[in-house]
Structures are given as C-alpha cells and as structure tokens.
Amino acid sequence: MKPTSHPFYEDLLALISGGLFVAMGIGLFNQHGLLTGGTAGMALVVANLTNISFGTLFFFINIPFYYLAWTQVGKRFTINTFVSVSLVSLLTEHMHNVISIDSVNPIFSAFVGGMMIGVGLLIMFRHSSSLGGLGILAFYLQQKFNIRAGTFQLVVDISIMAFAAFFFSAWLLALSVLGAVMMNIVLTVNHKPGRYQTISATPKQSIEQEALQGAHEALTK
C-alpha cells in the first residue's frame, strides 16, 4: 500500500477548499447567531456578546495551542492547522464582501451549515490538518493522562452550551444542537479512524494520523 502523503500544492488546494466550506457553514450559523462546540463555539459565544468579530477571536484563541501541536503532534500538522485556522478566520471576516444573504430559514442554516462545516473538516483531516484549539488539547490529555478525548470535548461543549443558556434563547440552542448533530453525522459516516493509515507510514506520520483520530473522536463523541 502506498503512503497517503500529499504534495504541497494538493495540501494547499485542499486547505483552501476545506476553509471555504467551514467559513460558509459558519456564515450560515452567523445569520441567526447559532453556536457550536470547541474553540469555534467559544469564539461564536463571545462574538455574539461583544463587538469583536468571530474571525479575530477564532484566530487569537487558537494561538496558545500551536505550541502544543508542534511539540506533541508534528510540524506538518501544526503548519497545516495554522493555515486552516488563518484561512477560516480571514474568510469569515471578509465573507460579506463577496456574498450577501438577505434571508435564510434558521432550520436550513443549522442543517446545511452543520453539514458544510463537517465537509470542510473532512477535507482538513484528510490532509493532516484541523481547526486546532481544544481538539489538540483533547488529544494531548488523552495521550498524557489517559483522559478520553471525546469525554473531555463533551464536557467542554456542554459547558459552552450551559454558559450560552444564560444569554441565548432555548430555540437558538436547539438549532445549535441540530447544527452540531449534522456536522457529527457527516464526520461519523465519512471519516473512520485509521481509514487513511498506511503500512509504510513513518513514526512521525503515525503520530499525525493518531492525532487526526483523536481530533475525530473529540468532534464526534
């Protein structure tokens, strides 16, 4: 079996494509102030409560996690994740300059937005990338302290939603849950841990593949 590593131009095209899908999904979420989990969820909550944009918040919240990714996962994964996070931050910040949505049904926003974010994440996972943040921390805690990544991420996501419940309506939270479910369905059906692992993978590639499996578990449990 041949290695599944990609040349630079394939990674770049994939990260741009994945970033566009995620940014469009978040754009649909932003139409009605919907929330999600992880660092993106933290950024969305703060963005809805302040005048700071999601793109700016998302970029800066992720900065502390790059060192962890660099030292615990690998250079390629860290660089690709930095590119993905930067692209999503930039695209969401300037999306209004290229597309304008005057009206969209909130259920459609949750349903399709969640699916688009899921597809974007799938592309990133396939090219040794992620949206960084708590997914990296979850993987590190699992490796270092045997704390299951899915359990940690679930506790964080519940905490984010519990905090948001004080400021947002039950209807908005229900729509946010729908969006998260759709994203997780796309990930669960299409991304199986180990699917892209190769027999000839180097130790460093194996670590990165395990990181993606940890990120997958953190996002789907």
Foldseek 3Di string as FASTA:
>chain_A
DDALADDPVLLVVLLLQLLVLLLVLVVLCVVPLAAEFFQLRVLSLVVVVDVDDSLVSLLVLQVVQLVLCPVQAHDQLSVSQNSNSNSNSVCNVCVCVPDDDPDDDLLCSLQSSLQSNLVSQVSQLSNLYHPGGLLSVLLVCCVPVVDQSQVVRVVRRVVSLVVCPVPDPPVSHVSNVSSLVNSLVSLVVPPDQPPNDDPPDDPSRVSSSVSSVSSNSNSND
